[in-house]
Amino acid sequence: MEVPFNMSLLDKIKKNSTIKDSAILSKSKFFNEKDVVPTSVPMINVALSGKLDGGIVPGLTMWAGPSKHFKTAFSLLMAKAYMDKYPEAVLLFYDSEFGTPIKYFETFGIDMDRVVHTPLTDIEQLKFDIMQQLQEVNRGEKLMIVLDSIGNLASKKEVDDALDGKSVADMSRAKQVKSLFRMVTPHLNLKDIPMVVVNHTYKEIGMFPKDIVGGGTGSYYSADNIYILGRQQEKDGTEIVGYNFIINVEKSRYVKEKSKIPIAVSFDGGIQKYSGLVDIAIEGGFVSKPSPGWYAKVDQETGEVGDKVRFDATQTDDFMLPLIKSDKFKDFVNQKYGIAYGSIMGETDPILLQEEEDAA
């Protein structure tokens, strides 16, 4: 005999909750009203959300890598997209490096009258200020936060010790970073605020050297998304004309970990809008290479190969927009990079099977 659901208990539990935002899960705004803001670069959207038409999500995102790996550039690209979507949005820019000139903001087209620049000298300063800011912001108010960078921030103890003439490493710094992110992360998600943190990496010494994100385990466990940047030089003869970056997905709620996402940056054109897409299209059979140096679209219905073009022509709106708007191509990219939560429980899970039957 089936036991009827106890609606009165559900109502009582919800009513007695001391947390004002408690809600029935199916009606919870924290799960059902997540803000996603697309950037101008489709493969950045894939890195951030696992989808070509996805993008910036609330919570803590970290760009990590050695110096001069365009970490600030990727952060400002995200800020530009957010501020374009929301004309009322404010960018709170925490600065511990003082190496981002105004020209950099201008290059990305960011309205500097909507940017609050806050210089920092230690972690405690950041902790007190950001908690004060987050406490005053309401869900629905459009705020984005960029911290450049956490790796360059000393602890107050380090500063005080230096002033006292001491040269002792502060073993509590990692705890301060952990405390900072542990306090901040819930507010970001509850209030639908994206925060981007720039961090440095260092090589772990050993038989198999690997890149380690700075800041200890606190930043790793608190961040929703962590990306480690690698790069190779792009040359025209002997002249370096740009870099080919690989976004290594170290941690993500949306993208398969250890995924590698290519992004090209040229010195004269900046971040290349459609970089990385041609190779994926070839892999999926959407584009072919009839001969070396030539590319052609493949009709997904007939298999017919279209007109041949050079690589430069593949990086245009005429070539790429129909492709990235194609549901088949979007599905292919999403399956390649995105996390399919249904597969975690398995295809034979009775709940998933029931949902599929209901949908049918």
Protein backbone atom coordinates (compact mmCIF):
# COMPACT_ATOMS: atom_id res chain seq x y z
CA MET A 1 0.00 0.00 0.00
CA GLU A 2 1.39 3.37 -1.03
CA VAL A 3 1.80 5.84 1.84
CA PRO A 4 0.47 9.30 0.91
CA PHE A 5 2.92 12.18 0.93
CA ASN A 6 2.78 14.24 4.12
CA MET A 7 2.19 17.76 2.79
CA SER A 8 1.54 19.15 6.26
CA LEU A 9 5.01 18.07 7.40
CA LEU A 10 6.56 19.75 4.37
CA ASP A 11 4.74 23.00 5.12
CA LYS A 12 5.69 22.79 8.79
CA ILE A 13 9.39 22.24 8.06
CA LYS A 14 9.44 25.16 5.62
CA LYS A 15 7.52 27.43 8.03
CA ASN A 16 9.73 26.59 11.01
CA SER A 17 12.99 27.22 9.18
CA THR A 18 15.03 30.08 10.64
CA ILE A 19 16.60 30.67 7.20
CA LYS A 20 14.45 33.24 5.40
CA ASP A 21 15.35 31.97 1.92
CA SER A 22 14.36 28.35 2.57
CA ALA A 23 12.12 27.08 -0.24
CA ILE A 24 10.80 23.92 -1.82
CA LEU A 25 13.61 22.72 -4.07
CA SER A 26 11.48 22.75 -7.23
CA LYS A 27 10.69 26.41 -6.55
CA SER A 28 14.07 27.49 -5.17
CA LYS A 29 15.39 30.59 -6.93
CA PHE A 30 18.96 29.57 -6.05
CA PHE A 31 18.66 26.49 -8.27
CA ASN A 32 16.14 27.61 -10.83
CA GLU A 33 17.19 31.23 -11.48
CA LYS A 34 20.93 30.98 -12.06
CA ASP A 35 22.25 33.84 -14.17
CA VAL A 36 24.41 32.80 -17.16
CA VAL A 37 26.12 35.51 -19.23
CA PRO A 38 27.71 34.58 -22.58
CA THR A 39 31.04 36.11 -23.57
CA SER A 40 32.04 37.04 -27.12
CA VAL A 41 34.30 33.96 -27.40
CA PRO A 42 32.42 30.64 -27.78
CA MET A 43 35.24 28.45 -26.44
CA ILE A 44 35.52 30.63 -23.33
CA ASN A 45 31.81 29.94 -22.84
CA VAL A 46 32.56 26.23 -23.12
CA ALA A 47 35.34 26.50 -20.53
CA LEU A 48 33.09 28.38 -18.11
CA SER A 49 29.89 26.37 -18.48
CA GLY A 50 30.40 23.38 -20.77
CA LYS A 51 28.22 24.94 -23.47
CA LEU A 52 28.82 27.06 -26.57
CA ASP A 53 25.83 29.23 -25.67
CA GLY A 54 26.65 29.21 -21.95
CA GLY A 55 29.08 31.58 -20.27
CA ILE A 56 29.78 33.29 -16.96
CA VAL A 57 28.10 31.68 -13.96
CA PRO A 58 27.74 32.86 -10.34
CA GLY A 59 30.36 31.78 -7.85
CA LEU A 60 34.15 31.76 -7.72
CA THR A 61 36.15 31.27 -10.93
CA MET A 62 39.95 31.22 -10.89
CA TRP A 63 42.41 31.80 -13.72
CA ALA A 64 45.83 30.46 -12.72
CA GLY A 65 49.13 30.38 -14.54
CA PRO A 66 52.64 31.81 -14.72
CA SER A 67 53.29 35.49 -15.39
CA LYS A 68 52.20 36.94 -18.74
CA HIS A 69 49.63 34.24 -19.44
CA PHE A 70 46.74 36.67 -20.12
CA LYS A 71 44.98 35.83 -16.84
CA THR A 72 43.88 39.45 -16.39
CA ALA A 73 42.84 39.62 -20.06
CA PHE A 74 40.49 36.64 -19.71
CA SER A 75 39.09 38.18 -16.51
CA LEU A 76 38.40 41.52 -18.21
CA LEU A 77 36.85 39.75 -21.21
CA MET A 78 34.35 38.25 -18.75
CA ALA A 79 33.79 41.61 -17.05
CA LYS A 80 33.10 43.29 -20.41
CA ALA A 81 30.46 40.65 -21.29
CA TYR A 82 28.76 41.03 -17.91
CA MET A 83 28.69 44.82 -18.07
CA ASP A 84 27.39 44.78 -21.65
CA LYS A 85 24.48 42.51 -20.72
CA TYR A 86 23.62 44.61 -17.66
CA PRO A 87 24.03 48.38 -18.25
CA GLU A 88 23.43 48.92 -14.52
CA ALA A 89 26.17 46.47 -13.48
CA VAL A 90 29.15 47.54 -11.39
CA LEU A 91 32.62 45.99 -11.52
CA LEU A 92 34.44 45.82 -8.18
CA PHE A 93 38.14 45.49 -9.08
CA TYR A 94 40.44 44.50 -6.22
CA ASP A 95 44.03 45.27 -7.18
CA SER A 96 47.10 43.91 -5.41
CA GLU A 97 49.44 43.96 -8.41
CA PHE A 98 48.92 47.54 -9.68
CA GLY A 99 50.03 46.30 -13.09
CA THR A 100 46.79 46.79 -15.02
CA PRO A 101 46.94 50.18 -16.77
CA ILE A 102 43.79 52.11 -17.65
CA LYS A 103 44.63 51.42 -21.30
CA TYR A 104 43.92 47.74 -20.63
CA PHE A 105 40.36 48.51 -19.50
CA GLU A 106 39.92 50.79 -22.52
CA THR A 107 41.12 48.03 -24.88
CA PHE A 108 38.29 45.80 -23.68
CA GLY A 109 35.77 48.64 -23.94
CA ILE A 110 34.98 48.69 -20.22
CA ASP A 111 33.21 51.81 -18.93
CA MET A 112 35.59 52.95 -16.20
CA ASP A 113 32.91 55.11 -14.59
CA ARG A 114 31.25 51.83 -13.57
CA VAL A 115 34.41 50.33 -12.05
CA VAL A 116 35.27 50.67 -8.36
CA HIS A 117 39.05 50.27 -8.11
CA THR A 118 40.16 49.09 -4.66
CA PRO A 119 43.92 48.82 -3.99
CA LEU A 120 45.02 46.17 -1.48
CA THR A 121 48.13 45.50 0.56
CA ASP A 122 47.15 42.44 2.60
CA ILE A 123 44.65 39.59 2.81
CA GLU A 124 42.93 40.92 5.93
CA GLN A 125 42.11 44.19 4.13
CA LEU A 126 40.47 42.20 1.37
CA LYS A 127 38.54 39.98 3.76
CA PHE A 128 37.03 42.87 5.73
CA ASP A 129 36.18 44.97 2.68
CA ILE A 130 34.68 42.25 0.50
CA MET A 131 32.50 40.91 3.31
CA GLN A 132 31.22 44.43 3.96
CA GLN A 133 30.44 44.86 0.26
CA LEU A 134 28.70 41.49 -0.08
CA GLN A 135 26.64 42.14 3.04
CA GLU A 136 25.20 45.31 1.49
CA VAL A 137 24.41 43.86 -1.95
CA ASN A 138 20.98 42.33 -2.55
CA ARG A 139 20.23 39.44 -4.87
CA GLY A 140 19.20 40.94 -8.20
CA GLU A 141 21.66 43.84 -8.01
CA LYS A 142 24.24 43.29 -10.73
CA LEU A 143 27.76 43.16 -9.34
CA MET A 144 30.84 41.41 -10.67
CA ILE A 145 34.08 41.13 -8.70
CA VAL A 146 37.62 40.69 -10.03
CA LEU A 147 40.61 40.08 -7.74
CA ASP A 148 44.00 40.58 -9.41
CA SER A 149 45.62 38.75 -7.75
CA ILE A 150 45.41 36.52 -4.69
CA GLY A 151 48.92 35.21 -5.30
CA ASN A 152 50.46 38.64 -4.76
CA LEU A 153 48.70 39.39 -1.46
CA ALA A 154 50.69 39.19 1.76
CA SER A 155 49.14 38.56 5.15
CA LYS A 156 49.06 41.37 7.70
CA LYS A 157 51.48 39.36 9.84
CA GLU A 158 54.00 39.28 6.99
CA VAL A 159 53.75 43.06 6.66
CA ASP A 160 54.03 43.64 10.42
CA ASP A 161 56.98 41.26 10.71
CA ALA A 162 58.79 43.09 7.92
CA LEU A 163 58.21 46.42 9.67
CA ASP A 164 59.65 44.90 12.86
CA GLY A 165 62.72 43.71 11.00
CA LYS A 166 61.75 40.03 11.12
CA SER A 167 62.29 37.70 8.19
CA VAL A 168 60.15 34.72 9.17
CA ALA A 169 57.72 33.04 6.79
CA ASP A 170 54.09 33.39 7.85
CA MET A 171 52.72 29.88 8.14
CA SER A 172 49.22 31.25 8.75
CA ARG A 173 48.86 32.85 5.29
CA ALA A 174 47.29 29.75 3.75
CA LYS A 175 44.77 29.69 6.60
CA GLN A 176 43.89 33.33 5.93
CA VAL A 177 43.28 32.58 2.24
CA LYS A 178 41.18 29.57 3.15
CA SER A 179 39.16 31.64 5.61
CA LEU A 180 38.62 34.37 3.01
CA PHE A 181 37.21 32.07 0.34
CA ARG A 182 35.21 30.01 2.83
CA MET A 183 33.42 33.20 3.91
CA VAL A 184 32.95 34.68 0.45
CA THR A 185 31.78 31.70 -1.62
CA PRO A 186 28.30 31.22 -0.05
CA HIS A 187 27.46 34.91 -0.52
CA LEU A 188 28.46 34.79 -4.19
CA ASN A 189 26.14 31.89 -4.93
CA LEU A 190 23.26 33.10 -2.76
CA LYS A 191 23.34 36.56 -4.36
CA ASP A 192 24.08 35.39 -7.92
CA ILE A 193 27.42 37.23 -8.11
CA PRO A 194 30.31 36.09 -10.33
CA MET A 195 33.78 36.60 -8.89
CA VAL A 196 36.96 36.06 -10.90
CA VAL A 197 40.27 35.53 -9.13
CA VAL A 198 43.69 35.71 -10.77
CA ASN A 199 46.26 33.39 -9.23
CA HIS A 200 49.80 32.24 -9.87
CA THR A 201 51.12 28.73 -10.31
CA TYR A 202 54.44 27.18 -9.41
CA LYS A 203 56.12 23.95 -10.39
CA GLU A 204 56.02 21.13 -7.87
CA ILE A 205 59.48 19.60 -7.70
CA GLY A 206 59.65 15.84 -8.14
CA MET A 207 59.95 13.03 -10.64
CA PHE A 208 56.79 14.24 -12.40
CA PRO A 209 56.71 18.06 -12.07
CA LYS A 210 53.26 19.63 -12.28
CA ASP A 211 51.66 23.05 -11.93
CA ILE A 212 50.36 23.83 -8.43
CA VAL A 213 47.87 26.63 -7.80
CA GLY A 214 49.08 29.14 -5.20
CA GLY A 215 47.18 29.93 -2.01
CA GLY A 216 47.05 26.46 -0.52
CA THR A 217 44.04 24.17 -0.44
CA GLY A 218 41.66 26.97 0.59
CA SER A 219 41.39 28.44 -2.89
CA TYR A 220 41.19 25.00 -4.48
CA TYR A 221 38.33 23.67 -2.36
CA SER A 222 36.30 26.89 -2.35
CA ALA A 223 36.47 27.74 -6.05
CA ASP A 224 33.68 26.55 -8.33
CA ASN A 225 35.95 26.59 -11.39
CA ILE A 226 39.75 26.55 -11.64
CA TYR A 227 41.59 26.91 -14.96
CA ILE A 228 45.36 26.56 -15.37
CA LEU A 229 46.71 28.29 -18.46
CA GLY A 230 49.49 26.93 -20.64
CA ARG A 231 50.79 28.51 -23.83
CA GLN A 232 52.96 28.10 -26.89
CA GLN A 233 54.36 30.82 -29.10
CA GLU A 234 52.75 31.49 -32.47
CA LYS A 235 55.39 32.56 -34.97
CA ASP A 236 55.47 34.07 -38.43
CA GLY A 237 58.90 32.95 -39.50
CA THR A 238 61.11 33.96 -36.59
CA GLU A 239 58.78 36.70 -35.33
CA ILE A 240 56.47 35.94 -32.40
CA VAL A 241 52.99 37.14 -33.41
CA GLY A 242 50.91 35.71 -30.58
CA TYR A 243 50.26 32.74 -28.33
CA ASN A 244 48.24 29.55 -28.53
CA PHE A 245 46.80 28.96 -25.08
CA ILE A 246 45.43 25.77 -23.61
CA ILE A 247 42.86 26.22 -20.85
CA ASN A 248 43.37 23.20 -18.62
CA VAL A 249 40.21 22.53 -16.61
CA GLU A 250 41.53 21.70 -13.16
CA LYS A 251 38.18 21.86 -11.41
CA SER A 252 34.66 22.63 -12.61
CA ARG A 253 31.03 22.07 -11.74
CA TYR A 254 30.11 22.13 -15.42
CA VAL A 255 33.04 20.87 -17.52
CA LYS A 256 34.79 17.51 -17.49
CA GLU A 257 37.94 17.89 -15.41
CA LYS A 258 41.25 17.70 -17.27
CA SER A 259 39.58 18.93 -20.46
CA LYS A 260 41.87 21.02 -22.65
CA ILE A 261 40.31 23.98 -24.41
CA PRO A 262 42.32 25.89 -27.06
CA ILE A 263 42.29 29.69 -27.32
CA ALA A 264 44.47 31.76 -29.65
CA VAL A 265 45.67 35.30 -28.92
CA SER A 266 47.41 37.47 -31.51
CA PHE A 267 49.35 40.62 -30.70
CA ASP A 268 47.52 42.65 -33.33
CA GLY A 269 44.01 41.21 -32.89
CA GLY A 270 43.78 40.13 -29.25
CA ILE A 271 41.78 37.07 -28.21
CA GLN A 272 40.62 35.33 -31.38
CA LYS A 273 36.83 35.05 -31.29
CA TYR A 274 36.47 31.70 -33.05
CA SER A 275 39.74 30.08 -31.99
CA GLY A 276 39.60 26.35 -31.31
CA LEU A 277 36.35 25.74 -33.17
CA VAL A 278 37.69 24.53 -36.51
CA ASP A 279 39.55 21.57 -35.03
CA ILE A 280 36.47 20.55 -33.03
CA ALA A 281 34.30 20.89 -36.14
CA ILE A 282 36.71 18.63 -38.05
CA GLU A 283 36.65 16.09 -35.22
CA GLY A 284 32.84 16.04 -35.31
CA GLY A 285 32.60 15.80 -39.10
CA PHE A 286 31.11 19.27 -39.54
CA VAL A 287 34.16 20.54 -41.46
CA SER A 288 36.56 18.62 -43.68
CA LYS A 289 40.05 19.25 -45.06
CA PRO A 290 39.80 18.33 -48.75
CA SER A 291 43.50 19.14 -49.18
CA PRO A 292 46.30 20.62 -47.04
CA GLY A 293 45.55 24.23 -46.05
CA TRP A 294 41.95 24.10 -47.27
CA TYR A 295 38.70 23.72 -45.30
CA ALA A 296 35.10 23.06 -46.29
CA LYS A 297 31.81 22.66 -44.45
CA VAL A 298 30.04 19.31 -44.58
CA ASP A 299 26.24 19.29 -44.98
CA GLN A 300 24.92 17.24 -42.07
CA GLU A 301 21.88 16.03 -44.01
CA THR A 302 23.42 15.09 -47.36
CA GLY A 303 27.11 14.72 -46.50
CA GLU A 304 27.90 17.06 -49.36
CA VAL A 305 31.18 19.00 -49.03
CA GLY A 306 30.94 22.74 -49.63
CA ASP A 307 33.30 25.23 -51.22
CA LYS A 308 36.94 25.16 -50.15
CA VAL A 309 38.31 28.13 -48.17
CA ARG A 310 41.57 29.03 -46.49
CA PHE A 311 41.89 29.04 -42.69
CA ASP A 312 41.45 32.81 -42.37
CA ALA A 313 38.03 32.52 -43.99
CA THR A 314 36.95 29.97 -41.36
CA GLN A 315 37.43 32.61 -38.67
CA THR A 316 34.67 34.85 -39.99
CA ASP A 317 31.05 35.28 -38.96
CA ASP A 318 29.89 34.02 -42.37
CA PHE A 319 31.62 30.68 -41.84
CA MET A 320 31.24 30.21 -38.09
CA LEU A 321 27.89 31.67 -37.04
CA PRO A 322 25.72 29.11 -38.86
CA LEU A 323 27.89 26.37 -37.36
CA ILE A 324 27.73 27.49 -33.72
CA LYS A 325 23.99 28.08 -34.04
CA SER A 326 23.49 24.52 -35.27
CA ASP A 327 21.85 22.30 -32.64
CA LYS A 328 23.85 19.30 -33.84
CA PHE A 329 27.15 21.13 -33.43
CA LYS A 330 26.14 22.51 -30.03
CA ASP A 331 25.18 19.02 -28.89
CA PHE A 332 28.51 17.63 -30.10
CA VAL A 333 30.50 20.28 -28.21
CA ASN A 334 28.36 19.92 -25.10
CA GLN A 335 28.85 16.15 -25.07
CA LYS A 336 32.61 16.53 -25.60
CA TYR A 337 33.16 18.97 -22.74
CA GLY A 338 30.07 19.27 -20.56
CA ILE A 339 29.28 17.13 -17.54
CA ALA A 340 26.23 14.93 -18.16
CA TYR A 341 24.83 14.64 -14.67
CA GLY A 342 22.48 11.85 -15.71
CA SER A 343 25.43 9.60 -16.54
CA ILE A 344 26.76 9.92 -13.00
CA MET A 345 23.84 7.85 -11.72
CA GLY A 346 23.79 5.59 -14.76
CA GLU A 347 21.32 5.00 -17.54
CA THR A 348 19.49 2.32 -15.58
CA ASP A 349 18.73 4.55 -12.62
CA PRO A 350 14.95 4.26 -12.05
CA ILE A 351 14.48 7.95 -11.29
CA LEU A 352 16.15 8.98 -14.55
CA LEU A 353 14.21 6.39 -16.51
CA GLN A 354 10.96 7.66 -15.02
CA GLU A 355 11.87 11.24 -15.92
CA GLU A 356 12.60 10.16 -19.50
CA GLU A 357 9.26 8.36 -19.71
CA ASP A 358 7.41 11.38 -18.31
CA ALA A 359 9.15 13.67 -20.81
CA ALA A 360 8.19 11.36 -23.65
